[in-house]
Amino acid sequence: MEILRTNDMPWADALQRGAYWQRRKRLATESLSASLWELPAGKKSFPMHRHLLTDEAIFVLSGHAKVRSQDGITPIGPGDFVRFAPGGDAHQLINDGAGPLIYLGVSAGKGNDVTEYPDSHKLHVVIAGKSLAFEEAAAVDYFTGEPDAGVAG
């Protein structure tokens, strides 16, 4: 058994770039990732995204914010549990409230994932310890660069 006394743990900077700003307390990292997150007023969690292989969810502990998804904007507050199924709607948290949003973020995956970013038309691939981001417009044909592919004709 492992007990983490989160009240005694310091917050660590997690994402701070422009409108995106969060800090967290990492709770677990194996096949079940869990962190306590703080999203300040006026900030966004991550760019709008959709995981194709990872199951993701949040549980709001305090504060109010909105979930932006492909279906629109949905307000959330204390006690709300929001699940983002693999391959489901792209989503993003936006704290347009007066105070911080504190939430438990959990995800279950197998260490590999593909994430789509519809606003910026990017793909992010995590596989075998590599983390690579691509613009969709940079995609090539499956046989590009293969010496024995020949030319259809």
N, C-alpha and C. Protein backbone atom coordinates (compact mmCIF):
# COMPACT_ATOMS: atom_id res chain seq x y z
N MET A 1 0.85 -1.18 0.00
CA MET A 1 0.00 0.00 0.00
C MET A 1 0.89 1.24 0.00
N GLU A 2 0.43 2.24 -0.72
CA GLU A 2 1.13 3.52 -0.76
C GLU A 2 0.13 4.64 -0.50
N ILE A 3 0.46 5.49 0.43
CA ILE A 3 -0.39 6.64 0.74
C ILE A 3 0.40 7.90 0.44
N LEU A 4 -0.16 8.76 -0.38
CA LEU A 4 0.44 10.06 -0.66
C LEU A 4 -0.36 11.13 0.07
N ARG A 5 0.30 11.90 0.86
CA ARG A 5 -0.34 13.00 1.59
C ARG A 5 -0.28 14.24 0.69
N THR A 6 -1.29 14.39 -0.17
CA THR A 6 -1.24 15.45 -1.17
C THR A 6 -1.21 16.84 -0.56
N ASN A 7 -1.75 17.01 0.64
CA ASN A 7 -1.70 18.32 1.29
C ASN A 7 -0.26 18.72 1.63
N ASP A 8 0.63 17.73 1.76
CA ASP A 8 2.03 18.00 2.09
C ASP A 8 2.92 18.06 0.84
N MET A 9 2.36 17.75 -0.32
CA MET A 9 3.14 17.75 -1.55
C MET A 9 3.14 19.14 -2.18
N PRO A 10 4.29 19.60 -2.67
CA PRO A 10 4.31 20.90 -3.37
C PRO A 10 3.75 20.76 -4.78
N TRP A 11 3.20 21.84 -5.30
CA TRP A 11 2.78 21.89 -6.70
C TRP A 11 4.03 21.99 -7.56
N ALA A 12 4.02 21.34 -8.72
CA ALA A 12 5.12 21.42 -9.68
C ALA A 12 4.60 22.04 -10.97
N ASP A 13 5.39 22.91 -11.57
CA ASP A 13 5.01 23.49 -12.86
C ASP A 13 4.89 22.37 -13.87
N ALA A 14 3.81 22.37 -14.66
CA ALA A 14 3.59 21.29 -15.62
C ALA A 14 3.50 21.81 -17.05
N LEU A 15 2.82 22.88 -17.26
CA LEU A 15 2.64 23.40 -18.61
C LEU A 15 2.45 24.90 -18.49
N GLN A 16 3.39 25.66 -19.01
CA GLN A 16 3.28 27.10 -18.91
C GLN A 16 3.80 27.72 -20.20
N ARG A 17 2.84 28.01 -21.08
CA ARG A 17 3.20 28.63 -22.35
C ARG A 17 2.00 29.41 -22.87
N GLY A 18 2.10 30.73 -22.87
CA GLY A 18 1.01 31.57 -23.35
C GLY A 18 -0.26 31.37 -22.53
N ALA A 19 -1.36 31.07 -23.21
CA ALA A 19 -2.65 30.88 -22.55
C ALA A 19 -2.74 29.55 -21.82
N TYR A 20 -1.76 28.66 -22.04
CA TYR A 20 -1.76 27.35 -21.40
C TYR A 20 -0.89 27.41 -20.15
N TRP A 21 -1.50 27.14 -19.00
CA TRP A 21 -0.75 27.24 -17.75
C TRP A 21 -1.39 26.34 -16.72
N GLN A 22 -0.63 25.37 -16.26
CA GLN A 22 -1.11 24.48 -15.21
C GLN A 22 0.05 24.08 -14.32
N ARG A 23 -0.29 23.58 -13.17
CA ARG A 23 0.69 22.91 -12.32
C ARG A 23 0.03 21.67 -11.77
N ARG A 24 0.85 20.73 -11.27
CA ARG A 24 0.25 19.48 -10.83
C ARG A 24 1.04 18.82 -9.71
N LYS A 25 0.36 17.85 -9.11
CA LYS A 25 0.96 16.94 -8.14
C LYS A 25 0.80 15.54 -8.75
N ARG A 26 1.90 14.96 -9.20
CA ARG A 26 1.83 13.64 -9.85
C ARG A 26 1.58 12.58 -8.78
N LEU A 27 0.56 11.74 -9.02
CA LEU A 27 0.17 10.73 -8.04
C LEU A 27 0.60 9.33 -8.45
N ALA A 28 0.47 8.98 -9.70
CA ALA A 28 0.83 7.65 -10.19
C ALA A 28 1.22 7.75 -11.65
N THR A 29 2.05 6.82 -12.13
CA THR A 29 2.54 6.95 -13.49
C THR A 29 2.55 5.67 -14.30
N GLU A 30 2.26 4.53 -13.75
CA GLU A 30 2.37 3.27 -14.48
C GLU A 30 1.25 3.18 -15.53
N SER A 31 0.52 2.10 -15.58
CA SER A 31 -0.54 1.95 -16.57
C SER A 31 -1.74 2.85 -16.25
N LEU A 32 -1.82 3.32 -14.99
CA LEU A 32 -2.85 4.28 -14.61
C LEU A 32 -2.13 5.56 -14.21
N SER A 33 -2.26 6.58 -15.02
CA SER A 33 -1.63 7.86 -14.72
C SER A 33 -2.65 8.71 -13.96
N ALA A 34 -2.21 9.35 -12.90
CA ALA A 34 -3.09 10.21 -12.12
C ALA A 34 -2.30 11.41 -11.61
N SER A 35 -2.92 12.57 -11.68
CA SER A 35 -2.32 13.80 -11.17
C SER A 35 -3.41 14.71 -10.65
N LEU A 36 -3.06 15.47 -9.65
CA LEU A 36 -3.92 16.54 -9.16
C LEU A 36 -3.49 17.78 -9.93
N TRP A 37 -4.42 18.46 -10.58
CA TRP A 37 -4.11 19.60 -11.45
C TRP A 37 -4.75 20.88 -10.91
N GLU A 38 -4.07 21.99 -11.10
CA GLU A 38 -4.62 23.31 -10.80
C GLU A 38 -4.56 24.13 -12.08
N LEU A 39 -5.74 24.59 -12.52
CA LEU A 39 -5.85 25.42 -13.71
C LEU A 39 -6.31 26.81 -13.27
N PRO A 40 -5.42 27.82 -13.30
CA PRO A 40 -5.79 29.16 -12.84
C PRO A 40 -6.87 29.80 -13.70
N ALA A 41 -7.54 30.78 -13.11
CA ALA A 41 -8.55 31.56 -13.84
C ALA A 41 -7.91 32.18 -15.08
N GLY A 42 -8.64 32.15 -16.19
CA GLY A 42 -8.17 32.75 -17.42
C GLY A 42 -7.24 31.89 -18.24
N LYS A 43 -7.00 30.65 -17.83
CA LYS A 43 -6.06 29.78 -18.54
C LYS A 43 -6.76 28.57 -19.14
N LYS A 44 -6.05 27.89 -20.05
CA LYS A 44 -6.54 26.69 -20.72
C LYS A 44 -5.64 25.52 -20.31
N SER A 45 -6.21 24.31 -20.33
CA SER A 45 -5.44 23.13 -19.92
C SER A 45 -4.40 22.77 -20.97
N PHE A 46 -4.81 22.22 -22.04
CA PHE A 46 -3.97 21.80 -23.15
C PHE A 46 -4.64 22.26 -24.44
N PRO A 47 -3.92 22.25 -25.55
CA PRO A 47 -4.63 22.50 -26.81
C PRO A 47 -5.73 21.45 -27.00
N MET A 48 -6.79 21.82 -27.71
CA MET A 48 -7.88 20.88 -27.96
C MET A 48 -7.31 19.62 -28.61
N HIS A 49 -7.66 18.46 -28.03
CA HIS A 49 -7.06 17.21 -28.50
C HIS A 49 -7.98 16.02 -28.30
N ARG A 50 -7.63 14.92 -28.97
CA ARG A 50 -8.36 13.65 -28.86
C ARG A 50 -7.30 12.54 -28.86
N HIS A 51 -7.30 11.72 -27.80
CA HIS A 51 -6.42 10.56 -27.74
C HIS A 51 -7.09 9.41 -28.49
N LEU A 52 -6.33 8.70 -29.29
CA LEU A 52 -6.90 7.57 -30.03
C LEU A 52 -6.77 6.25 -29.28
N LEU A 53 -5.82 6.16 -28.33
CA LEU A 53 -5.60 4.90 -27.62
C LEU A 53 -5.76 5.01 -26.11
N THR A 54 -5.73 6.20 -25.57
CA THR A 54 -5.74 6.39 -24.12
C THR A 54 -7.11 6.84 -23.63
N ASP A 55 -7.59 6.18 -22.58
CA ASP A 55 -8.82 6.55 -21.90
C ASP A 55 -8.46 7.64 -20.89
N GLU A 56 -9.21 8.73 -20.89
CA GLU A 56 -8.87 9.89 -20.07
C GLU A 56 -10.12 10.37 -19.34
N ALA A 57 -9.95 10.87 -18.10
CA ALA A 57 -11.09 11.40 -17.35
C ALA A 57 -10.61 12.44 -16.35
N ILE A 58 -11.54 13.30 -15.94
CA ILE A 58 -11.26 14.26 -14.88
C ILE A 58 -12.39 14.21 -13.86
N PHE A 59 -12.04 14.52 -12.61
CA PHE A 59 -13.02 14.67 -11.54
C PHE A 59 -12.75 16.03 -10.90
N VAL A 60 -13.74 16.92 -10.95
CA VAL A 60 -13.58 18.28 -10.45
C VAL A 60 -13.73 18.29 -8.93
N LEU A 61 -12.70 18.79 -8.26
CA LEU A 61 -12.71 18.89 -6.79
C LEU A 61 -13.21 20.25 -6.34
N SER A 62 -12.75 21.32 -7.01
CA SER A 62 -13.23 22.66 -6.66
C SER A 62 -13.05 23.60 -7.85
N GLY A 63 -13.84 24.65 -7.84
CA GLY A 63 -13.80 25.63 -8.91
C GLY A 63 -14.77 25.31 -10.03
N HIS A 64 -14.81 26.18 -11.00
CA HIS A 64 -15.69 26.03 -12.15
C HIS A 64 -14.91 26.35 -13.43
N ALA A 65 -15.27 25.67 -14.50
CA ALA A 65 -14.63 25.91 -15.79
C ALA A 65 -15.59 25.40 -16.86
N LYS A 66 -15.08 25.31 -18.08
CA LYS A 66 -15.88 24.79 -19.18
C LYS A 66 -15.06 23.77 -19.94
N VAL A 67 -15.75 22.76 -20.45
CA VAL A 67 -15.13 21.81 -21.36
C VAL A 67 -15.52 22.25 -22.76
N ARG A 68 -14.52 22.52 -23.57
CA ARG A 68 -14.75 22.81 -24.99
C ARG A 68 -14.57 21.50 -25.73
N SER A 69 -15.59 21.13 -26.49
CA SER A 69 -15.50 19.90 -27.29
C SER A 69 -16.08 20.19 -28.67
N GLN A 70 -16.07 19.19 -29.51
CA GLN A 70 -16.63 19.36 -30.84
C GLN A 70 -18.14 19.56 -30.79
N ASP A 71 -18.74 19.23 -29.64
CA ASP A 71 -20.18 19.44 -29.46
C ASP A 71 -20.51 20.82 -28.92
N GLY A 72 -19.48 21.61 -28.55
CA GLY A 72 -19.72 22.93 -28.01
C GLY A 72 -19.05 23.13 -26.66
N ILE A 73 -19.64 24.00 -25.84
CA ILE A 73 -19.09 24.37 -24.53
C ILE A 73 -20.02 23.83 -23.45
N THR A 74 -19.43 23.14 -22.44
CA THR A 74 -20.22 22.58 -21.35
C THR A 74 -19.62 23.01 -20.01
N PRO A 75 -20.40 23.69 -19.15
CA PRO A 75 -19.89 24.09 -17.84
C PRO A 75 -19.68 22.86 -16.94
N ILE A 76 -18.62 22.92 -16.10
CA ILE A 76 -18.37 21.87 -15.11
C ILE A 76 -18.03 22.51 -13.78
N GLY A 77 -18.26 21.75 -12.70
CA GLY A 77 -17.98 22.25 -11.36
C GLY A 77 -17.74 21.10 -10.40
N PRO A 78 -17.63 21.41 -9.10
CA PRO A 78 -17.30 20.41 -8.09
C PRO A 78 -18.23 19.19 -8.15
N GLY A 79 -17.61 18.01 -8.11
CA GLY A 79 -18.37 16.76 -8.14
C GLY A 79 -18.60 16.22 -9.53
N ASP A 80 -18.29 16.98 -10.56
CA ASP A 80 -18.49 16.50 -11.94
C ASP A 80 -17.35 15.58 -12.36
N PHE A 81 -17.72 14.46 -12.97
CA PHE A 81 -16.77 13.50 -13.53
C PHE A 81 -16.98 13.51 -15.03
N VAL A 82 -15.90 13.74 -15.77
CA VAL A 82 -15.99 13.83 -17.23
C VAL A 82 -15.03 12.82 -17.83
N ARG A 83 -15.55 11.93 -18.66
CA ARG A 83 -14.72 10.91 -19.31
C ARG A 83 -14.57 11.24 -20.78
N PHE A 84 -13.36 11.06 -21.27
CA PHE A 84 -13.05 11.25 -22.68
C PHE A 84 -12.58 9.91 -23.23
N ALA A 85 -13.46 9.22 -23.92
CA ALA A 85 -13.15 7.88 -24.44
C ALA A 85 -12.13 7.98 -25.57
N PRO A 86 -11.30 6.95 -25.73
CA PRO A 86 -10.36 6.94 -26.85
C PRO A 86 -11.09 7.09 -28.19
N GLY A 87 -10.62 8.00 -29.01
CA GLY A 87 -11.24 8.23 -30.32
C GLY A 87 -12.52 9.03 -30.26
N GLY A 88 -12.93 9.50 -29.07
CA GLY A 88 -14.15 10.28 -28.92
C GLY A 88 -13.94 11.74 -29.31
N ASP A 89 -14.77 12.60 -28.76
CA ASP A 89 -14.68 14.03 -29.07
C ASP A 89 -13.35 14.62 -28.64
N ALA A 90 -12.81 15.51 -29.46
CA ALA A 90 -11.66 16.32 -29.04
C ALA A 90 -12.15 17.24 -27.92
N HIS A 91 -11.26 17.59 -27.01
CA HIS A 91 -11.68 18.35 -25.83
C HIS A 91 -10.56 19.24 -25.31
N GLN A 92 -10.98 20.20 -24.47
CA GLN A 92 -10.06 21.15 -23.84
C GLN A 92 -10.78 21.76 -22.65
N LEU A 93 -10.04 22.03 -21.56
CA LEU A 93 -10.60 22.72 -20.41
C LEU A 93 -10.26 24.20 -20.51
N ILE A 94 -11.23 25.06 -20.24
CA ILE A 94 -11.04 26.50 -20.25
C ILE A 94 -11.57 27.04 -18.93
N ASN A 95 -10.70 27.67 -18.16
CA ASN A 95 -11.14 28.25 -16.90
C ASN A 95 -11.40 29.73 -17.12
N ASP A 96 -12.67 30.05 -17.34
CA ASP A 96 -13.06 31.45 -17.49
C ASP A 96 -13.74 31.95 -16.22
N GLY A 97 -13.55 31.21 -15.13
CA GLY A 97 -14.13 31.58 -13.84
C GLY A 97 -13.25 32.55 -13.08
N ALA A 98 -13.64 32.85 -11.84
CA ALA A 98 -12.94 33.82 -11.01
C ALA A 98 -11.79 33.20 -10.22
N GLY A 99 -11.83 31.89 -9.99
CA GLY A 99 -10.81 31.24 -9.18
C GLY A 99 -10.24 30.02 -9.87
N PRO A 100 -9.28 29.33 -9.22
CA PRO A 100 -8.66 28.16 -9.84
C PRO A 100 -9.62 26.97 -9.91
N LEU A 101 -9.40 26.15 -10.90
CA LEU A 101 -10.08 24.86 -11.03
C LEU A 101 -9.10 23.80 -10.54
N ILE A 102 -9.51 23.02 -9.55
CA ILE A 102 -8.68 21.92 -9.05
C ILE A 102 -9.39 20.63 -9.46
N TYR A 103 -8.65 19.76 -10.16
CA TYR A 103 -9.26 18.52 -10.61
C TYR A 103 -8.27 17.37 -10.58
N LEU A 104 -8.82 16.18 -10.45
CA LEU A 104 -8.03 14.96 -10.54
C LEU A 104 -8.10 14.50 -11.98
N GLY A 105 -6.96 14.38 -12.63
CA GLY A 105 -6.90 13.89 -14.00
C GLY A 105 -6.34 12.48 -14.00
N VAL A 106 -7.05 11.56 -14.62
CA VAL A 106 -6.58 10.17 -14.70
C VAL A 106 -6.62 9.72 -16.15
N SER A 107 -5.70 8.83 -16.48
CA SER A 107 -5.72 8.24 -17.82
C SER A 107 -5.18 6.82 -17.73
N ALA A 108 -5.71 5.98 -18.58
CA ALA A 108 -5.27 4.59 -18.64
C ALA A 108 -4.86 4.30 -20.07
N GLY A 109 -3.64 3.90 -20.23
CA GLY A 109 -3.13 3.58 -21.55
C GLY A 109 -2.05 2.53 -21.44
N LYS A 110 -1.45 2.21 -22.53
CA LYS A 110 -0.43 1.19 -22.55
C LYS A 110 0.95 1.76 -22.87
N GLY A 111 1.11 3.08 -22.71
CA GLY A 111 2.39 3.71 -22.98
C GLY A 111 2.54 4.21 -24.40
N ASN A 112 1.70 3.76 -25.31
CA ASN A 112 1.72 4.23 -26.69
C ASN A 112 0.42 4.96 -26.95
N ASP A 113 0.48 6.00 -27.77
CA ASP A 113 -0.74 6.75 -28.06
C ASP A 113 -0.54 7.57 -29.33
N VAL A 114 -1.66 7.92 -29.93
CA VAL A 114 -1.70 8.88 -31.02
C VAL A 114 -2.73 9.92 -30.60
N THR A 115 -2.35 11.18 -30.68
CA THR A 115 -3.24 12.27 -30.28
C THR A 115 -3.42 13.20 -31.47
N GLU A 116 -4.68 13.54 -31.74
CA GLU A 116 -5.00 14.48 -32.83
C GLU A 116 -5.30 15.85 -32.23
N TYR A 117 -4.87 16.90 -32.91
CA TYR A 117 -5.11 18.29 -32.51
C TYR A 117 -5.86 18.98 -33.63
N PRO A 118 -7.20 19.02 -33.56
CA PRO A 118 -7.98 19.55 -34.68
C PRO A 118 -7.77 21.04 -34.97
N ASP A 119 -7.45 21.85 -33.96
CA ASP A 119 -7.25 23.29 -34.19
C ASP A 119 -5.99 23.57 -35.01
N SER A 120 -4.94 22.80 -34.75
CA SER A 120 -3.65 23.06 -35.41
C SER A 120 -3.30 22.00 -36.45
N HIS A 121 -4.18 21.02 -36.64
CA HIS A 121 -3.99 19.97 -37.65
C HIS A 121 -2.66 19.24 -37.47
N LYS A 122 -2.43 18.83 -36.21
CA LYS A 122 -1.22 18.07 -35.88
C LYS A 122 -1.59 16.70 -35.37
N LEU A 123 -0.60 15.80 -35.42
CA LEU A 123 -0.67 14.49 -34.79
C LEU A 123 0.52 14.39 -33.85
N HIS A 124 0.30 13.78 -32.70
CA HIS A 124 1.37 13.52 -31.74
C HIS A 124 1.39 12.02 -31.51
N VAL A 125 2.54 11.42 -31.73
CA VAL A 125 2.68 9.97 -31.60
C VAL A 125 3.66 9.67 -30.47
N VAL A 126 3.25 8.81 -29.54
CA VAL A 126 4.14 8.33 -28.49
C VAL A 126 4.20 6.82 -28.65
N ILE A 127 5.38 6.31 -28.98
CA ILE A 127 5.55 4.88 -29.18
C ILE A 127 7.00 4.49 -28.87
N ALA A 128 7.15 3.40 -28.15
CA ALA A 128 8.47 2.86 -27.81
C ALA A 128 9.39 3.92 -27.22
N GLY A 129 8.83 4.77 -26.36
CA GLY A 129 9.62 5.80 -25.70
C GLY A 129 9.90 7.04 -26.53
N LYS A 130 9.44 7.07 -27.76
CA LYS A 130 9.63 8.25 -28.62
C LYS A 130 8.37 9.10 -28.60
N SER A 131 8.56 10.41 -28.62
CA SER A 131 7.46 11.36 -28.67
C SER A 131 7.69 12.27 -29.87
N LEU A 132 6.81 12.15 -30.88
CA LEU A 132 6.98 12.89 -32.13
C LEU A 132 5.69 13.61 -32.51
N ALA A 133 5.81 14.87 -32.92
CA ALA A 133 4.66 15.64 -33.38
C ALA A 133 4.83 15.96 -34.86
N PHE A 134 3.72 15.90 -35.60
CA PHE A 134 3.74 16.13 -37.04
C PHE A 134 2.57 17.01 -37.45
N GLU A 135 2.78 17.85 -38.44
CA GLU A 135 1.67 18.54 -39.06
C GLU A 135 1.06 17.59 -40.08
N GLU A 136 -0.26 17.48 -40.10
CA GLU A 136 -0.92 16.56 -41.02
C GLU A 136 -0.55 16.85 -42.48
N ALA A 137 -0.32 18.11 -42.82
CA ALA A 137 0.01 18.48 -44.19
C ALA A 137 1.37 17.91 -44.63
N ALA A 138 2.20 17.49 -43.67
CA ALA A 138 3.52 16.95 -44.00
C ALA A 138 3.47 15.44 -44.26
N ALA A 139 2.29 14.85 -44.27
CA ALA A 139 2.15 13.41 -44.49
C ALA A 139 2.68 13.04 -45.88
N VAL A 140 3.27 11.88 -45.97
CA VAL A 140 3.79 11.39 -47.24
C VAL A 140 3.07 10.11 -47.62
N ASP A 141 3.20 9.71 -48.87
CA ASP A 141 2.65 8.45 -49.35
C ASP A 141 3.34 7.30 -48.63
N TYR A 142 2.65 6.22 -48.41
CA TYR A 142 3.18 5.05 -47.70
C TYR A 142 4.51 4.58 -48.30
N PHE A 143 4.65 4.62 -49.61
CA PHE A 143 5.86 4.10 -50.28
C PHE A 143 6.95 5.14 -50.52
N THR A 144 6.75 6.39 -50.06
CA THR A 144 7.76 7.42 -50.26
C THR A 144 9.11 6.97 -49.71
N GLY A 145 10.13 7.07 -50.57
CA GLY A 145 11.50 6.74 -50.14
C GLY A 145 11.86 5.27 -50.21
N GLU A 146 10.91 4.42 -50.53
CA GLU A 146 11.20 2.98 -50.61
C GLU A 146 11.82 2.66 -51.98
N PRO A 147 13.04 2.12 -52.01
CA PRO A 147 13.74 1.93 -53.29
C PRO A 147 13.08 0.92 -54.22
N ASP A 148 12.31 -0.02 -53.70
CA ASP A 148 11.74 -1.07 -54.55
C ASP A 148 10.25 -0.86 -54.83
N ALA A 149 9.76 0.37 -54.56
CA ALA A 149 8.32 0.61 -54.74
C ALA A 149 7.92 0.78 -56.19
N GLY A 150 8.83 1.21 -57.03
CA GLY A 150 8.50 1.38 -58.43
C GLY A 150 7.51 2.52 -58.64
N VAL A 151 7.13 2.71 -59.86
CA VAL A 151 6.17 3.77 -60.20
C VAL A 151 5.02 3.11 -60.94
N ALA A 152 3.80 3.38 -60.50
CA ALA A 152 2.62 2.82 -61.16
C ALA A 152 2.55 3.36 -62.58
N GLY A 153 2.15 2.53 -63.50
CA GLY A 153 2.08 3.07 -64.84
C GLY A 153 1.52 2.19 -65.79
